[in-house]
Amino acid sequence: MKGYELFARTLNDLRIGPVFGNPGSTEIPMLREIKDYVLTLHDSISVGMADGLAQYTGTPSIVNLHTLPGVANSMAFIHTARLNRSPVVITSGQQDNRHVYYEPLLSHDLLSLVSDAVKYRYEVRNPEDIERSLKRAAMKSLEPPMGPVFVSFPMDVMEEEADYIGLAWKYPNTALVDMAEVEYVAKCIEEAASPAIISGSEIDAYGSMDDAVNFAEKVGCPVYAEPLSSRACFRSGNHRFAGDILPATTAMNMILMKNDLILNFGGDFTIYPYLQSPLLPGKKVITISLSPSFKYGEFITSHPGLFMRELTKIVKPKGDFRRPEDLSAGSVAARERRTLGMNYVLQKVRKKFHDYVIVDEAISASVAVRKNLGYRDRSYFTAKSGQLGWATPAAAGISMKNPRVLEIIGDGSMMYTVQTLWTVSQYNLPLKILVLDNQGYSILKSFSTSFYPGVEKAPFLSFRTNIVKISEAFGVEAREGDESLNELDWLAEGEMAKVLVVHVDKSIPKLFF
């Protein structure tokens, strides 16, 4: 069997597809037997689509990049997939081994290029490597911490012969719970005066929302979402949910001021920007995770959901925290109607899209998006890295499996990977996109106002685009919304891609301390 036939058969055996990519000459030899291929108009978009699809399904997805140019173009997206803990198998072509000595066009040390942005990297040396390296890569992408892997395929290997072995592969066993550790945490809760829970992205990634809710109900303490989570962490409709932890150390300390024990289940302490205050001084912090980051406090390596399930059986109640009703949102939204402020717009969005998967890259409005639309199981996704341009490809990837996906994005972010709309149109993906247009980089204006006053007035932080015409040029129907926002009805109708641009309040929000 030829190398390219082994490549296609292995992907079929792994049941991962379609192949996302934008091929070059070095990839043509390996794609001859690939039937299910999704073309993107930039290499990086293929990684973003695979990232979104992998997060949503919890199974590996597959990307094929064009050797040096394609891998280099995609490095920011590969980095984001690593922080999102997305099991993406990234493949690329490589120049023919028989003339690499001469440093031909497109040749490069690809393994050094991807470096630590991937969990596993390998360049195939002979056709026998094709099946086993792909299957090893797929399994490693799923091992905690989940993340992207990389395999490079020289052109000449695709012409060589080898047998297909049919090597077995399976999902890793993550059911790790040490009962002695469970008893230790139960004792810490009993001795604490005021415990609090931080629920992280692993809760949703490992399907443990029920376990998190049951534990929170039993212990009775407040539950917060980890700072800058890449996905839903807890069901925000539950009365134990107390909101998001903000990433600045000062904000974390204020929010958790009254709590002496912090139990972090499946989350991470992402900090930004730098502030001089130390993180959670005097607090006892315990992180229970399959992928602990070892940044702060004590660490227990365990499946967070299964750990909570066992803990619920023995823990004693510590209180009866119930989130107070926020009565101010309606009045705030009413005041914002004239200028189309974020709360007004997003409350309208919630009424129409409350059961949609939300992919968020509104950046300066993300806090409002999270607060107004809330969290459900597999319902909210964003880029853990803070990268711009990720959301449109990721939302397109998710829409291949779910017809009810709404991307909420700023006008600046939209322009990073706007050519994704061609792929959306070409493959008839039912993606709905709401663009919050404030004619500039509002997040940078806010940052400048807080730390570097005066820069917010610089002309390079403001711009205008005609996203309606751009969207239509790529084959996607688009409209502008007015103050009534009746166009939200139009956006929700049907299962075809649509873009709605809403010109929102351009005043600079205060997002930093």
Protein backbone atom coordinates (compact mmCIF):
# COMPACT_ATOMS: atom_id res chain seq x y z
CA MET A 1 0.00 0.00 0.00
CA LYS A 2 1.35 3.44 -0.95
CA GLY A 3 2.08 6.01 1.72
CA TYR A 4 -0.77 8.29 0.67
CA GLU A 5 -3.17 5.33 0.85
CA LEU A 6 -1.92 4.53 4.35
CA PHE A 7 -2.50 8.17 5.32
CA ALA A 8 -6.14 8.13 4.17
CA ARG A 9 -6.90 4.71 5.63
CA THR A 10 -5.46 5.65 9.02
CA LEU A 11 -7.62 8.78 9.22
CA ASN A 12 -10.63 6.65 8.31
CA ASP A 13 -9.69 4.12 11.01
CA LEU A 14 -9.35 6.93 13.55
CA ARG A 15 -12.74 8.31 12.44
CA ILE A 16 -11.50 11.85 12.45
CA GLY A 17 -12.49 14.23 9.71
CA PRO A 18 -13.03 16.23 7.68
CA VAL A 19 -9.51 17.37 6.89
CA PHE A 20 -9.30 21.16 7.25
CA GLY A 21 -6.63 22.88 5.23
CA ASN A 22 -5.23 25.04 2.46
CA PRO A 23 -2.86 22.80 0.47
CA GLY A 24 0.41 23.55 -1.25
CA SER A 25 2.68 21.55 -3.52
CA THR A 26 4.19 19.55 -0.63
CA GLU A 27 0.71 18.36 0.47
CA ILE A 28 -0.64 17.23 -2.91
CA PRO A 29 1.08 13.80 -2.69
CA MET A 30 -0.58 12.99 0.65
CA LEU A 31 -4.09 14.16 -0.24
CA ARG A 32 -4.73 11.94 -3.27
CA GLU A 33 -7.06 9.57 -1.39
CA ILE A 34 -8.71 12.16 0.89
CA LYS A 35 -12.41 12.54 0.04
CA ASP A 36 -13.68 14.70 2.93
CA TYR A 37 -11.73 17.98 2.75
CA VAL A 38 -12.78 21.46 3.87
CA LEU A 39 -10.88 24.25 2.13
CA THR A 40 -10.09 27.47 3.95
CA LEU A 41 -8.61 30.55 2.29
CA HIS A 42 -5.86 30.93 4.87
CA ASP A 43 -3.94 28.19 6.66
CA SER A 44 -4.68 29.51 10.15
CA ILE A 45 -8.44 29.33 9.60
CA SER A 46 -8.18 25.56 9.22
CA VAL A 47 -6.64 25.28 12.69
CA GLY A 48 -9.33 27.55 14.17
CA MET A 49 -12.13 25.47 12.63
CA ALA A 50 -10.56 22.25 13.90
CA ASP A 51 -10.11 23.80 17.35
CA GLY A 52 -13.79 24.74 17.62
CA LEU A 53 -14.95 21.35 16.34
CA ALA A 54 -12.63 19.43 18.69
CA GLN A 55 -13.73 21.41 21.74
CA TYR A 56 -17.40 20.95 20.95
CA THR A 57 -17.23 17.20 20.19
CA GLY A 58 -14.50 16.28 22.68
CA THR A 59 -12.85 14.16 19.96
CA PRO A 60 -9.74 14.79 17.83
CA SER A 61 -10.00 16.83 14.65
CA ILE A 62 -7.53 16.89 11.75
CA VAL A 63 -5.70 19.72 9.98
CA ASN A 64 -3.37 19.64 6.97
CA LEU A 65 -1.02 22.63 6.64
CA HIS A 66 1.31 23.71 3.85
CA THR A 67 4.80 23.01 5.22
CA LEU A 68 6.80 26.10 6.36
CA PRO A 69 4.43 28.88 5.15
CA GLY A 70 1.29 27.16 6.40
CA VAL A 71 2.67 26.15 9.79
CA ALA A 72 4.19 29.59 10.33
CA ASN A 73 0.92 31.28 9.34
CA SER A 74 -0.91 29.15 11.91
CA MET A 75 1.32 29.43 14.97
CA ALA A 76 -0.98 31.79 16.90
CA PHE A 77 -3.90 29.41 16.34
CA ILE A 78 -1.81 26.41 17.40
CA HIS A 79 -0.84 28.30 20.56
CA THR A 80 -4.52 29.04 21.25
CA ALA A 81 -5.46 25.37 20.72
CA ARG A 82 -2.85 24.47 23.33
CA LEU A 83 -4.29 26.91 25.89
CA ASN A 84 -7.84 25.84 24.98
CA ARG A 85 -6.75 22.22 25.49
CA SER A 86 -8.19 21.20 22.15
CA PRO A 87 -7.24 17.76 20.75
CA VAL A 88 -6.22 18.84 17.24
CA VAL A 89 -4.04 16.58 15.07
CA ILE A 90 -1.98 18.87 12.81
CA THR A 91 -0.26 17.41 9.76
CA SER A 92 1.86 19.07 7.11
CA GLY A 93 3.86 18.18 4.04
CA GLN A 94 7.63 18.41 3.95
CA GLN A 95 10.10 18.66 1.10
CA ASP A 96 11.44 15.51 -0.53
CA ASN A 97 14.13 13.99 1.70
CA ARG A 98 16.31 13.28 -1.32
CA HIS A 99 17.21 16.93 -1.82
CA VAL A 100 16.73 18.50 1.65
CA TYR A 101 20.53 18.79 1.87
CA TYR A 102 20.35 21.57 -0.74
CA GLU A 103 17.86 23.57 1.35
CA PRO A 104 15.26 23.72 -1.42
CA LEU A 105 12.30 26.08 -1.51
CA LEU A 106 9.80 25.44 1.31
CA SER A 107 12.13 23.21 3.33
CA HIS A 108 12.54 23.98 7.04
CA ASP A 109 12.94 22.32 10.43
CA LEU A 110 9.20 22.14 11.15
CA LEU A 111 9.61 20.37 14.49
CA SER A 112 11.61 23.30 15.81
CA LEU A 113 9.06 25.72 14.39
CA VAL A 114 6.11 24.21 16.30
CA SER A 115 8.34 23.77 19.37
CA ASP A 116 6.39 23.58 22.66
CA ALA A 117 3.16 24.85 21.10
CA VAL A 118 2.25 21.18 20.60
CA LYS A 119 2.28 18.19 22.95
CA TYR A 120 3.85 15.78 20.49
CA ARG A 121 5.82 16.33 17.28
CA TYR A 122 7.29 13.88 14.82
CA GLU A 123 8.54 13.81 11.24
CA VAL A 124 7.86 10.56 9.39
CA ARG A 125 11.00 8.81 8.10
CA ASN A 126 9.53 5.79 6.33
CA PRO A 127 6.05 4.59 5.28
CA GLU A 128 5.78 2.25 8.29
CA ASP A 129 5.69 5.39 10.46
CA ILE A 130 2.51 6.78 8.86
CA GLU A 131 -0.10 4.65 10.63
CA ARG A 132 1.64 4.41 13.98
CA SER A 133 2.64 8.10 14.20
CA LEU A 134 -0.89 9.29 13.38
CA LYS A 135 -2.47 6.95 15.93
CA ARG A 136 0.06 7.90 18.58
CA ALA A 137 -0.62 11.57 17.83
CA ALA A 138 -4.39 11.11 18.15
CA MET A 139 -4.04 9.35 21.51
CA LYS A 140 -1.59 11.95 22.81
CA SER A 141 -3.94 14.77 21.81
CA LEU A 142 -6.49 13.31 24.24
CA GLU A 143 -4.16 12.66 27.17
CA PRO A 144 -4.45 15.31 29.91
CA PRO A 145 -3.79 18.06 29.33
CA MET A 146 -5.50 17.68 25.97
CA GLY A 147 -3.97 19.72 23.19
CA PRO A 148 -2.61 19.92 19.63
CA VAL A 149 -0.06 17.48 18.19
CA PHE A 150 1.99 17.68 14.99
CA VAL A 151 3.19 15.17 12.37
CA SER A 152 5.24 16.10 9.28
CA PHE A 153 5.25 14.00 6.09
CA PRO A 154 8.06 14.29 3.51
CA MET A 155 6.81 14.07 -0.08
CA ASP A 156 8.87 11.02 -1.05
CA VAL A 157 7.47 8.89 1.80
CA MET A 158 4.02 9.12 0.22
CA GLU A 159 5.28 7.15 -2.80
CA GLU A 160 6.83 4.33 -0.80
CA GLU A 161 5.16 1.00 0.07
CA ALA A 162 4.21 -0.48 3.45
CA ASP A 163 1.56 -2.73 4.95
CA TYR A 164 -1.40 -1.41 6.94
CA ILE A 165 -1.24 -3.15 10.33
CA GLY A 166 -4.49 -1.98 11.92
CA LEU A 167 -2.88 -0.94 15.21
CA ALA A 168 -5.39 -0.61 18.06
CA TRP A 169 -5.93 2.78 19.65
CA LYS A 170 -8.24 3.93 22.40
CA TYR A 171 -9.21 6.94 24.47
CA PRO A 172 -7.08 7.45 27.60
CA ASN A 173 -8.50 6.48 30.98
CA THR A 174 -8.95 9.71 32.96
CA ALA A 175 -11.01 8.27 35.83
CA LEU A 176 -8.41 9.17 38.45
CA VAL A 177 -9.67 9.61 42.03
CA ASP A 178 -7.72 8.97 45.22
CA MET A 179 -10.14 8.51 48.13
CA ALA A 180 -7.50 9.60 50.65
CA GLU A 181 -7.33 12.94 48.82
CA VAL A 182 -11.13 13.16 48.80
CA GLU A 183 -11.20 12.68 52.56
CA TYR A 184 -8.46 15.30 52.98
CA VAL A 185 -10.45 17.90 51.01
CA ALA A 186 -13.62 17.05 52.96
CA LYS A 187 -11.72 17.70 56.19
CA CYS A 188 -10.42 21.02 54.83
CA ILE A 189 -14.00 22.05 54.04
CA GLU A 190 -15.18 21.05 57.51
CA GLU A 191 -12.41 23.12 59.14
CA ALA A 192 -12.89 26.16 56.92
CA ALA A 193 -14.98 29.10 58.04
CA SER A 194 -16.05 30.18 54.56
CA PRO A 195 -15.11 28.01 51.55
CA ALA A 196 -15.64 29.01 47.92
CA ILE A 197 -15.54 26.98 44.72
CA ILE A 198 -13.90 27.95 41.43
CA SER A 199 -15.25 25.84 38.59
CA GLY A 200 -13.01 25.56 35.53
CA SER A 201 -13.14 24.56 31.89
CA GLU A 202 -12.43 20.88 32.61
CA ILE A 203 -15.91 20.61 34.15
CA ASP A 204 -17.53 21.21 30.77
CA ALA A 205 -14.79 19.46 28.76
CA TYR A 206 -15.27 16.21 30.71
CA GLY A 207 -19.08 16.44 30.87
CA SER A 208 -19.18 17.01 34.64
CA MET A 209 -21.75 19.80 35.01
CA ASP A 210 -24.14 17.56 36.97
CA ASP A 211 -21.36 16.63 39.39
CA ALA A 212 -20.44 20.29 39.88
CA VAL A 213 -24.04 21.32 40.54
CA ASN A 214 -24.67 18.43 42.95
CA PHE A 215 -21.53 19.23 44.91
CA ALA A 216 -22.36 22.94 45.08
CA GLU A 217 -25.87 22.16 46.29
CA LYS A 218 -24.54 19.85 48.99
CA VAL A 219 -21.83 22.13 50.38
CA GLY A 220 -23.87 25.31 49.90
CA CYS A 221 -21.03 27.72 49.13
CA PRO A 222 -20.65 30.18 46.21
CA VAL A 223 -19.35 28.94 42.85
CA TYR A 224 -17.28 31.19 40.56
CA ALA A 225 -16.12 30.61 36.99
CA GLU A 226 -12.35 30.51 36.54
CA PRO A 227 -10.78 33.72 35.21
CA LEU A 228 -10.85 33.94 31.40
CA SER A 229 -12.12 30.41 30.86
CA SER A 230 -12.21 29.20 27.27
CA ARG A 231 -15.66 27.62 27.77
CA ALA A 232 -18.60 27.27 30.12
CA CYS A 233 -17.62 26.24 33.66
CA PHE A 234 -20.91 26.00 35.58
CA ARG A 235 -24.61 26.48 34.87
CA SER A 236 -25.09 30.17 35.48
CA GLY A 237 -28.83 29.69 36.01
CA ASN A 238 -28.08 27.82 39.24
CA HIS A 239 -28.56 29.93 42.37
CA ARG A 240 -25.14 28.89 43.73
CA PHE A 241 -23.38 30.59 40.81
CA ALA A 242 -21.77 33.84 41.95
CA GLY A 243 -20.26 35.01 38.65
CA ASP A 244 -16.86 35.15 36.97
CA ILE A 245 -13.52 35.61 38.68
CA LEU A 246 -11.74 38.51 36.97
CA PRO A 247 -8.09 37.91 35.98
CA ALA A 248 -6.43 40.83 37.81
CA THR A 249 -5.00 39.87 41.21
CA THR A 250 -6.65 42.86 42.88
CA ALA A 251 -10.03 41.78 41.54
CA MET A 252 -9.54 38.16 42.62
CA ASN A 253 -8.57 39.26 46.11
CA MET A 254 -11.63 41.52 46.42
CA ILE A 255 -14.07 38.90 45.14
CA LEU A 256 -12.71 36.17 47.43
CA MET A 257 -11.95 38.46 50.37
CA LYS A 258 -14.29 36.71 52.82
CA ASN A 259 -13.33 33.15 51.85
CA ASP A 260 -10.54 31.29 53.66
CA LEU A 261 -10.60 28.10 51.54
CA ILE A 262 -10.62 28.20 47.71
CA LEU A 263 -11.35 24.90 45.94
CA ASN A 264 -10.38 25.15 42.28
CA PHE A 265 -11.92 22.28 40.28
CA GLY A 266 -10.52 21.93 36.76
CA GLY A 267 -9.53 25.56 36.36
CA ASP A 268 -6.49 27.79 36.16
CA PHE A 269 -5.43 31.15 37.59
CA THR A 270 -4.99 33.26 34.48
CA ILE A 271 -3.66 36.69 35.46
CA TYR A 272 -3.72 39.89 33.39
CA PRO A 273 -2.61 42.66 33.53
CA TYR A 274 0.26 42.84 36.02
CA LEU A 275 -0.66 44.52 39.30
CA GLN A 276 1.52 44.75 42.37
CA SER A 277 -0.90 43.03 44.75
CA PRO A 278 -0.05 39.36 45.54
CA LEU A 279 -2.49 36.60 44.62
CA LEU A 280 -4.90 35.49 47.38
CA PRO A 281 -2.63 36.19 50.38
CA GLY A 282 -3.43 34.14 53.46
CA LYS A 283 -5.85 31.84 51.64
CA LYS A 284 -5.69 28.05 51.49
CA VAL A 285 -6.03 27.14 47.79
CA ILE A 286 -6.44 23.56 46.52
CA THR A 287 -6.57 22.79 42.78
CA ILE A 288 -8.14 19.47 41.69
CA SER A 289 -7.44 18.92 38.01
CA LEU A 290 -6.30 16.37 35.45
CA SER A 291 -3.94 19.08 34.20
CA PRO A 292 -2.94 21.22 37.19
CA SER A 293 -0.85 24.24 36.19
CA PHE A 294 1.08 24.28 39.51
CA LYS A 295 0.87 28.06 39.74
CA TYR A 296 -0.51 28.59 43.23
CA GLY A 297 -1.47 26.58 46.30
CA GLU A 298 -1.82 22.81 46.70
CA PHE A 299 -2.45 20.41 43.81
CA ILE A 300 -4.30 17.13 43.41
CA THR A 301 -4.15 15.37 40.03
CA SER A 302 -7.61 13.93 39.55
CA HIS A 303 -10.69 13.96 37.34
CA PRO A 304 -12.45 17.01 38.85
CA GLY A 305 -15.98 15.80 38.19
CA LEU A 306 -15.48 12.32 39.60
CA PHE A 307 -13.62 13.83 42.55
CA MET A 308 -16.62 16.06 43.30
CA ARG A 309 -18.94 13.08 42.91
CA GLU A 310 -17.10 11.21 45.69
CA LEU A 311 -16.71 14.35 47.78
CA THR A 312 -20.46 15.01 47.63
CA LYS A 313 -21.07 11.67 49.36
CA ILE A 314 -19.10 12.61 52.50
CA VAL A 315 -18.92 16.39 52.71
CA LYS A 316 -20.96 18.28 55.30
CA PRO A 317 -22.93 21.41 54.34
CA LYS A 318 -21.17 24.68 55.10
CA GLY A 319 -23.83 27.24 54.31
CA ASP A 320 -26.65 28.16 51.99
CA PHE A 321 -25.28 30.74 49.57
CA ARG A 322 -27.84 31.96 47.06
CA ARG A 323 -27.02 34.51 44.45
CA PRO A 324 -28.88 37.79 45.03
CA GLU A 325 -31.08 38.82 42.12
CA ASP A 326 -29.54 41.58 40.00
CA LEU A 327 -32.31 44.19 39.75
CA SER A 328 -30.17 46.78 38.02
CA ALA A 329 -29.73 45.13 34.63
CA GLY A 330 -33.12 46.18 33.28
CA SER A 331 -32.73 49.82 34.24
CA VAL A 332 -29.17 49.88 32.90
CA ALA A 333 -30.35 48.44 29.61
CA ALA A 334 -33.15 50.98 29.38
CA ARG A 335 -30.70 53.85 29.86
CA GLU A 336 -28.44 52.35 27.20
CA ARG A 337 -31.10 52.01 24.51
CA ARG A 338 -30.42 55.33 22.82
CA THR A 339 -26.73 54.63 22.33
CA LEU A 340 -27.18 50.86 21.84
CA GLY A 341 -25.13 50.04 24.92
CA MET A 342 -23.90 46.48 25.38
CA ASN A 343 -26.37 45.42 28.07
CA TYR A 344 -29.35 46.61 26.03
CA VAL A 345 -28.12 44.81 22.89
CA LEU A 346 -27.19 41.61 24.70
CA GLN A 347 -30.45 41.33 26.61
CA LYS A 348 -32.23 41.52 23.27
CA VAL A 349 -29.86 38.85 21.96
CA ARG A 350 -30.54 36.61 24.94
CA LYS A 351 -34.29 36.59 24.29
CA LYS A 352 -33.79 35.41 20.72
CA PHE A 353 -30.68 33.19 21.04
CA HIS A 354 -30.93 31.83 24.61
CA ASP A 355 -30.54 28.22 23.44
CA TYR A 356 -27.67 28.78 20.98
CA VAL A 357 -24.01 27.90 21.39
CA ILE A 358 -22.22 31.23 21.87
CA VAL A 359 -18.75 31.80 20.45
CA ASP A 360 -17.39 35.02 21.89
CA GLU A 361 -14.76 37.38 20.54
CA ALA A 362 -16.39 40.65 21.46
CA ILE A 363 -13.30 41.33 23.64
CA SER A 364 -14.31 44.67 25.22
CA ALA A 365 -17.86 43.34 25.64
CA SER A 366 -16.97 39.80 26.75
CA VAL A 367 -17.75 40.49 30.41
CA ALA A 368 -21.21 41.69 29.36
CA VAL A 369 -21.64 38.71 27.00
CA ARG A 370 -20.88 36.24 29.78
CA LYS A 371 -23.13 38.02 32.27
CA ASN A 372 -26.13 38.51 29.99
CA LEU A 373 -26.09 35.22 28.09
CA GLY A 374 -24.78 32.97 30.85
CA TYR A 375 -23.38 29.44 30.75
CA ARG A 376 -24.88 26.06 29.94
CA ASP A 377 -23.27 22.73 29.07
CA ARG A 378 -21.17 23.08 25.90
CA SER A 379 -22.75 26.49 25.31
CA TYR A 380 -19.95 29.06 25.50
CA PHE A 381 -16.52 29.12 23.84
CA THR A 382 -13.78 31.72 23.52
CA ALA A 383 -10.01 31.85 23.01
CA LYS A 384 -8.08 31.28 26.24
CA SER A 385 -5.06 33.01 24.69
CA GLY A 386 -6.75 36.35 24.06
CA GLN A 387 -6.03 35.92 20.35
CA LEU A 388 -8.04 37.88 17.79
CA GLY A 389 -9.41 36.15 14.71
CA TRP A 390 -10.09 32.82 16.40
CA ALA A 391 -13.85 33.01 16.87
CA THR A 392 -15.08 33.02 13.26
CA PRO A 393 -13.21 29.84 12.27
CA ALA A 394 -14.04 28.16 15.59
CA ALA A 395 -17.73 29.04 15.29
CA ALA A 396 -17.73 27.75 11.72
CA GLY A 397 -16.21 24.47 12.92
CA ILE A 398 -18.83 24.05 15.65
CA SER A 399 -21.63 24.85 13.18
CA MET A 400 -20.67 21.72 11.25
CA LYS A 401 -22.13 19.73 14.17
CA ASN A 402 -24.72 22.14 15.60
CA PRO A 403 -27.00 24.32 13.44
CA ARG A 404 -27.63 26.76 16.31
CA VAL A 405 -24.39 28.68 16.74
CA LEU A 406 -24.17 32.44 17.29
CA GLU A 407 -20.83 34.17 17.07
CA ILE A 408 -20.62 37.53 18.86
CA ILE A 409 -17.61 39.48 17.67
CA GLY A 410 -16.22 43.01 17.49
CA ASP A 411 -15.59 44.79 14.20
CA GLY A 412 -11.83 44.73 14.79
CA SER A 413 -11.72 41.01 15.51
CA MET A 414 -13.99 40.26 12.56
CA MET A 415 -11.43 41.57 10.08
CA TYR A 416 -8.67 39.20 11.20
CA THR A 417 -10.15 36.10 9.55
CA VAL A 418 -13.07 37.49 7.57
CA GLN A 419 -12.21 35.18 4.66
CA THR A 420 -13.68 32.36 6.79
CA LEU A 421 -17.00 33.56 5.36
CA TRP A 422 -16.01 32.05 2.01
CA THR A 423 -15.72 28.60 3.63
CA VAL A 424 -18.99 29.17 5.51
CA SER A 425 -20.74 30.02 2.22
CA GLN A 426 -19.04 27.31 0.16
CA TYR A 427 -20.02 24.50 2.57
CA ASN A 428 -23.46 25.92 3.47
CA LEU A 429 -22.71 26.21 7.19
CA PRO A 430 -25.62 27.65 9.24
CA LEU A 431 -23.51 30.11 11.21
CA LYS A 432 -25.07 33.31 12.59
CA ILE A 433 -22.72 36.22 13.29
CA LEU A 434 -23.49 39.34 15.32
CA VAL A 435 -20.88 42.06 14.82
CA LEU A 436 -20.74 44.73 17.55
CA ASP A 437 -19.27 47.64 15.61
CA ASN A 438 -17.77 50.44 17.70
CA GLN A 439 -15.38 51.59 14.97
CA GLY A 440 -12.14 50.72 16.68
CA TYR A 441 -10.17 48.70 19.18
CA SER A 442 -12.17 49.49 22.31
CA ILE A 443 -10.24 47.05 24.49
CA LEU A 444 -6.98 48.89 23.72
CA LYS A 445 -8.59 52.26 24.33
CA SER A 446 -9.74 51.02 27.73
CA PHE A 447 -6.29 49.63 28.52
CA SER A 448 -4.66 52.88 27.47
CA THR A 449 -7.07 54.98 29.56
CA SER A 450 -6.19 52.97 32.68
CA PHE A 451 -2.43 52.66 32.26
CA TYR A 452 -1.18 54.98 29.49
CA PRO A 453 -3.57 57.97 29.37
CA GLY A 454 -3.67 59.79 26.07
CA VAL A 455 -2.86 56.86 23.79
CA GLU A 456 -6.58 56.04 23.56
CA LYS A 457 -6.93 59.07 21.26
CA ALA A 458 -4.35 57.79 18.77
CA PRO A 459 -5.76 57.41 15.24
CA PHE A 460 -4.40 53.86 14.89
CA LEU A 461 -6.95 52.66 17.48
CA SER A 462 -9.95 53.79 15.42
CA PHE A 463 -11.15 52.77 11.96
CA ARG A 464 -14.26 52.14 9.87
CA THR A 465 -15.15 49.11 7.78
CA ASN A 466 -18.13 48.09 5.68
CA ILE A 467 -18.64 44.58 6.98
CA VAL A 468 -21.99 44.22 5.22
CA LYS A 469 -20.43 44.62 1.79
CA ILE A 470 -17.43 42.49 2.72
CA SER A 471 -19.71 39.67 3.92
CA GLU A 472 -21.81 39.82 0.77
CA ALA A 473 -18.67 39.66 -1.36
CA PHE A 474 -17.88 36.31 0.26
CA GLY A 475 -21.40 35.04 -0.43
CA VAL A 476 -22.99 35.56 2.99
CA GLU A 477 -26.15 37.63 3.39
CA ALA A 478 -25.66 40.62 5.72
CA ARG A 479 -27.59 43.55 7.16
CA GLU A 480 -27.18 46.49 9.51
CA GLY A 481 -29.34 46.74 12.61
CA ASP A 482 -31.13 49.84 13.89
CA GLU A 483 -32.11 50.92 17.40
CA SER A 484 -35.09 48.56 17.51
CA LEU A 485 -32.88 45.53 16.82
CA ASN A 486 -35.77 43.90 14.99
CA GLU A 487 -33.15 42.49 12.62
CA LEU A 488 -32.35 39.90 15.30
CA ASP A 489 -35.49 38.10 14.12
CA TRP A 490 -34.05 38.04 10.59
CA LEU A 491 -30.69 36.80 11.90
CA ALA A 492 -32.30 33.84 13.67
CA GLU A 493 -34.46 32.76 10.72
CA GLY A 494 -33.51 29.77 8.62
CA GLU A 495 -30.42 27.57 8.56
CA MET A 496 -28.24 29.67 6.29
CA ALA A 497 -25.28 31.84 7.24
CA LYS A 498 -26.06 35.48 8.08
CA VAL A 499 -24.17 38.49 9.41
CA LEU A 500 -25.82 41.29 11.37
CA VAL A 501 -23.83 44.45 12.07
CA VAL A 502 -24.97 46.59 15.01
CA HIS A 503 -23.36 49.99 15.53
CA VAL A 504 -22.96 50.16 19.30
CA ASP A 505 -21.95 52.83 21.79
CA LYS A 506 -18.40 54.06 21.05
CA SER A 507 -17.68 55.37 24.56
CA ILE A 508 -14.64 53.75 26.21
CA PRO A 509 -15.58 51.15 28.83
CA LYS A 510 -13.64 50.88 32.10
CA LEU A 511 -12.37 47.31 32.01
CA PHE A 512 -9.10 47.57 33.95
CA PHE A 513 -8.21 48.61 37.49
